[in-house]
Amino acid sequence: EDAGGSPVPARLSVRDGRGLEQTGLLTFASMEASQRSGPDSTVVTVHDLAPGPHALMAVDAEGRRASLTIELGGAPEREVRLRFEED
C-alpha cells in the first residue's frame, strides 16, 4: 500500500531464513486463490510457509521497494501489509 493506505500493485518476493525464494513455489491452493482474486490483484497469498523468519520485499511499477522481516509461528494464516513510503 502507499503512504496513504491505498493498494499498490507490486511484485512480491518472500525468502525464508536460509535466503531461499518461497514465492516461486506455487501450490494448487495458491493458483486457485490467484484465480479468485484476479491477475491484477494487489493481494498476494503465499501458502505453506514453514515457521521461522521470512524476509518480504515488494517492488512497485516505479521501482520503489518496501520490505519487512517477519517471524512466523504455528498460526495457519497471517496478514501482512507492506507500505511504500513517498520519496
Protein backbone atom coordinates (compact mmCIF):
# COMPACT_ATOMS: atom_id res chain seq x y z
CA GLU A 1 0.00 0.00 0.00
CA ASP A 2 1.09 3.59 -0.47
CA ALA A 3 1.74 6.08 2.35
CA GLY A 4 -2.00 6.87 2.43
CA GLY A 5 -3.01 3.21 2.80
CA SER A 6 -4.28 2.69 -0.77
CA PRO A 7 -3.44 -0.62 -2.51
CA VAL A 8 -0.50 -0.59 -4.95
CA PRO A 9 0.20 -3.37 -7.48
CA ALA A 10 3.69 -4.79 -6.90
CA ARG A 11 5.87 -7.86 -7.35
CA LEU A 12 6.50 -9.76 -4.13
CA SER A 13 9.47 -11.81 -3.00
CA VAL A 14 9.40 -13.96 0.14
CA ARG A 15 12.62 -15.59 1.33
CA ASP A 16 12.95 -17.99 4.22
CA GLY A 17 15.60 -17.84 6.95
CA ARG A 18 18.12 -19.57 4.66
CA GLY A 19 17.54 -16.99 1.89
CA LEU A 20 15.60 -19.38 -0.36
CA GLU A 21 12.85 -17.85 -2.51
CA GLN A 22 9.38 -19.08 -1.46
CA THR A 23 7.05 -17.18 -3.80
CA GLY A 24 8.08 -19.19 -6.86
CA LEU A 25 6.76 -22.38 -5.28
CA LEU A 26 3.18 -22.40 -6.48
CA THR A 27 0.85 -24.88 -4.88
CA PHE A 28 -2.60 -25.75 -6.17
CA ALA A 29 -4.07 -23.65 -3.34
CA SER A 30 -2.08 -20.56 -4.39
CA MET A 31 -3.05 -20.96 -8.05
CA GLU A 32 -6.69 -21.34 -7.03
CA ALA A 33 -6.52 -18.21 -4.83
CA SER A 34 -4.90 -16.26 -7.68
CA GLN A 35 -7.76 -17.23 -9.99
CA ARG A 36 -10.30 -15.94 -7.46
CA SER A 37 -8.54 -12.60 -6.84
CA GLY A 38 -7.62 -11.94 -10.48
CA PRO A 39 -4.24 -11.42 -12.15
CA ASP A 40 -4.01 -7.69 -11.32
CA SER A 41 -4.91 -8.06 -7.66
CA THR A 42 -2.95 -6.18 -5.02
CA VAL A 43 -3.40 -9.14 -2.66
CA VAL A 44 -0.82 -11.94 -2.82
CA THR A 45 -1.32 -15.18 -0.92
CA VAL A 46 1.70 -17.38 -0.25
CA HIS A 47 0.87 -20.82 1.15
CA ASP A 48 2.72 -23.46 3.12
CA LEU A 49 5.50 -21.37 4.65
CA ALA A 50 7.48 -23.06 7.40
CA PRO A 51 7.70 -21.45 10.83
CA GLY A 52 10.67 -19.12 11.30
CA PRO A 53 11.95 -15.84 9.87
CA HIS A 54 10.89 -14.68 6.41
CA ALA A 55 12.06 -11.59 4.52
CA LEU A 56 9.38 -9.92 2.38
CA MET A 57 10.20 -7.42 -0.37
CA ALA A 58 7.79 -5.73 -2.76
CA VAL A 59 8.73 -3.64 -5.81
CA ASP A 60 6.14 -1.40 -7.49
CA ALA A 61 5.98 -0.25 -11.13
CA GLU A 62 8.08 2.83 -10.30
CA GLY A 63 10.85 0.71 -8.78
CA ARG A 64 10.12 1.71 -5.18
CA ARG A 65 10.83 -1.01 -2.63
CA ALA A 66 9.09 -1.92 0.59
CA SER A 67 10.48 -4.63 2.86
CA LEU A 68 9.75 -6.31 6.15
CA THR A 69 11.10 -9.30 8.08
CA ILE A 70 8.53 -11.35 9.96
CA GLU A 71 8.70 -14.35 12.30
CA LEU A 72 6.08 -16.99 11.53
CA GLY A 73 4.83 -19.26 14.29
CA GLY A 74 2.25 -22.00 14.16
CA ALA A 75 -0.72 -19.87 13.01
CA PRO A 76 -2.26 -21.17 9.76
CA GLU A 77 -2.61 -17.69 8.26
CA ARG A 78 -1.18 -14.21 8.80
CA GLU A 79 -1.97 -10.93 7.08
CA VAL A 80 0.95 -8.62 6.37
CA ARG A 81 0.89 -5.20 4.70
CA LEU A 82 3.93 -3.60 3.14
CA ARG A 83 3.92 0.18 2.82
CA PHE A 84 5.71 2.14 0.11
CA GLU A 85 6.91 5.44 1.55
CA GLU A 86 6.68 8.55 -0.59
CA ASP A 87 10.02 9.90 -1.82
